[in-house]
Protein backbone atom coordinates (compact mmCIF):
# COMPACT_ATOMS: atom_id res chain seq x y z
CA MET A 1 79.55 -0.98 111.92
CA ALA A 2 80.54 1.47 114.60
CA LYS A 3 83.87 3.26 114.42
CA PRO A 4 86.00 4.48 117.31
CA LEU A 5 85.91 8.18 118.13
CA ASP A 6 88.50 10.35 116.39
CA LEU A 7 91.70 10.83 118.41
CA ASP A 8 91.30 14.63 118.42
CA LEU A 9 87.78 14.31 119.82
CA ARG A 10 89.05 11.89 122.45
CA ARG A 11 91.70 14.42 123.51
CA ARG A 12 89.13 17.21 123.81
CA ILE A 13 86.75 15.04 125.87
CA VAL A 14 89.51 14.00 128.29
CA ALA A 15 90.78 17.60 128.56
CA ALA A 16 87.27 18.85 129.39
CA ILE A 17 86.76 16.18 132.05
CA GLU A 18 90.18 16.78 133.60
CA ALA A 19 89.38 20.51 133.67
CA GLY A 20 86.46 19.74 135.97
CA ALA A 21 83.49 18.85 133.75
CA SER A 22 81.58 15.67 134.46
CA CYS A 23 81.58 12.85 131.93
CA ARG A 24 77.91 13.47 131.15
CA THR A 25 78.45 17.21 130.64
CA ALA A 26 81.44 16.59 128.36
CA ALA A 27 79.43 14.02 126.41
CA ALA A 28 76.63 16.52 125.82
CA ARG A 29 79.11 19.26 124.89
CA PHE A 30 80.90 17.12 122.28
CA ASP A 31 77.74 15.34 121.10
CA VAL A 32 78.78 11.80 122.00
CA SER A 33 76.95 9.27 124.13
CA GLU A 34 77.42 9.39 127.89
CA SER A 35 78.63 5.80 127.90
CA ALA A 36 81.32 6.66 125.31
CA ALA A 37 82.69 9.42 127.53
CA ILE A 38 82.52 7.28 130.67
CA LYS A 39 84.24 4.31 128.98
CA LEU A 40 86.87 6.61 127.44
CA MET A 41 87.76 8.02 130.86
CA ARG A 42 87.78 4.55 132.43
CA ARG A 43 90.21 3.38 129.75
CA TYR A 44 92.32 6.55 130.02
CA ARG A 45 92.62 6.25 133.80
CA ALA A 46 93.48 2.54 133.60
CA THR A 47 96.00 2.64 130.75
CA GLY A 48 96.94 6.28 130.24
CA SER A 49 96.21 5.85 126.54
CA LEU A 50 93.59 7.49 124.38
CA ALA A 51 93.91 4.90 121.62
CA PRO A 52 90.83 2.79 121.00
CA GLY A 53 90.86 -0.85 122.01
CA LYS A 54 90.83 -3.72 119.55
CA MET A 55 87.55 -4.23 117.75
CA GLY A 56 86.40 -7.55 116.34
CA GLY A 57 88.80 -10.31 115.50
CA HIS A 58 88.76 -14.06 115.22
CA ARG A 59 87.73 -16.29 118.09
CA ARG A 60 89.06 -19.81 118.22
CA PRO A 61 86.33 -22.44 118.24
CA ILE A 62 85.44 -23.52 121.77
CA LEU A 63 85.56 -27.23 120.98
CA GLU A 64 88.88 -27.26 119.12
CA ALA A 65 90.54 -29.13 121.99
CA GLU A 66 87.78 -31.77 121.93
CA ARG A 67 87.83 -32.23 118.15
CA ASP A 68 89.57 -35.63 118.18
CA TRP A 69 87.24 -37.02 120.84
CA LEU A 70 84.18 -35.81 118.95
CA MET A 71 85.37 -37.27 115.63
CA GLU A 72 86.07 -40.61 117.32
CA ARG A 73 82.64 -40.55 118.97
CA VAL A 74 80.89 -39.83 115.66
CA ALA A 75 82.89 -42.61 113.97
CA LYS A 76 81.72 -45.11 116.63
CA GLN A 77 78.06 -44.08 116.38
CA SER A 78 77.32 -42.26 113.15
CA ASP A 79 73.67 -41.56 113.94
CA ILE A 80 74.28 -39.85 117.29
CA THR A 81 72.54 -36.51 117.66
CA VAL A 82 74.33 -33.25 118.34
CA ARG A 83 72.27 -32.82 121.49
CA ALA A 84 73.50 -36.21 122.74
CA LEU A 85 77.07 -35.17 121.97
CA ALA A 86 76.55 -31.91 123.86
CA ASP A 87 75.20 -33.90 126.83
CA GLU A 88 78.23 -36.23 126.77
CA LEU A 89 80.54 -33.22 126.65
CA ALA A 90 78.71 -31.78 129.68
CA GLU A 91 79.39 -35.04 131.54
CA ARG A 92 83.07 -34.52 130.73
CA GLY A 93 82.88 -30.98 132.22
CA ILE A 94 82.62 -29.03 128.95
CA VAL A 95 79.29 -27.24 128.85
CA VAL A 96 78.43 -26.03 125.33
CA SER A 97 75.27 -25.72 123.30
CA HIS A 98 74.31 -28.20 120.62
CA VAL A 99 74.92 -25.43 118.07
CA SER A 100 78.62 -25.35 118.98
CA VAL A 101 78.82 -29.10 118.41
CA TRP A 102 76.96 -28.76 115.12
CA ASN A 103 79.33 -25.98 113.96
CA LEU A 104 82.37 -28.16 114.64
CA LEU A 105 80.83 -31.13 112.81
CA ARG A 106 79.93 -28.93 109.87
CA ARG A 107 83.51 -27.58 109.68
CA GLU A 108 84.71 -31.20 109.59
CA SER A 109 82.16 -32.13 106.86
CA GLN A 110 80.46 -34.57 109.21
CA THR A 111 76.84 -33.78 108.38
CA HIS A 112 74.18 -36.47 108.51
CA LYS A 113 71.15 -36.33 106.26
CA LYS A 114 68.23 -38.68 106.74
CA LYS A 115 67.21 -40.58 103.63
CA ARG A 116 63.68 -39.53 102.73
CA ALA A 117 63.23 -42.64 100.62
CA ARG A 118 63.55 -44.79 103.75
CA GLN A 119 60.80 -42.82 105.48
CA ARG A 120 58.23 -43.36 102.72
CA ALA A 121 56.09 -46.43 102.55
CA ASP A 122 56.91 -48.95 99.84
CA PRO A 123 54.92 -47.91 96.73
CA SER A 124 54.38 -51.49 95.50
């Protein structure tokens, strides 16, 4: 995974740009990407800080607020598809993919497996 630029390198890039070099020239001089120099200066001008921003972290599940409704809906109709649930959520104004619904159901141990024995013809 990518790491933020060293603080010393960040200082030298900002000093070069403030001394009159362009972001692209400073990037070539310090062997970093042009976008890294441009984003560093944008951040420096906006916040006055050279410290890197937060990387990664945990995102709360999108459907956490709708968990109770979804569990109630699955309890009423246990064979409902995740696509149908996603469509019903869209009618309620919450547009998510069926994968998001599936992830929530999986976290709640609400998986549904079809019985293969019921699909086969009777052997007798």
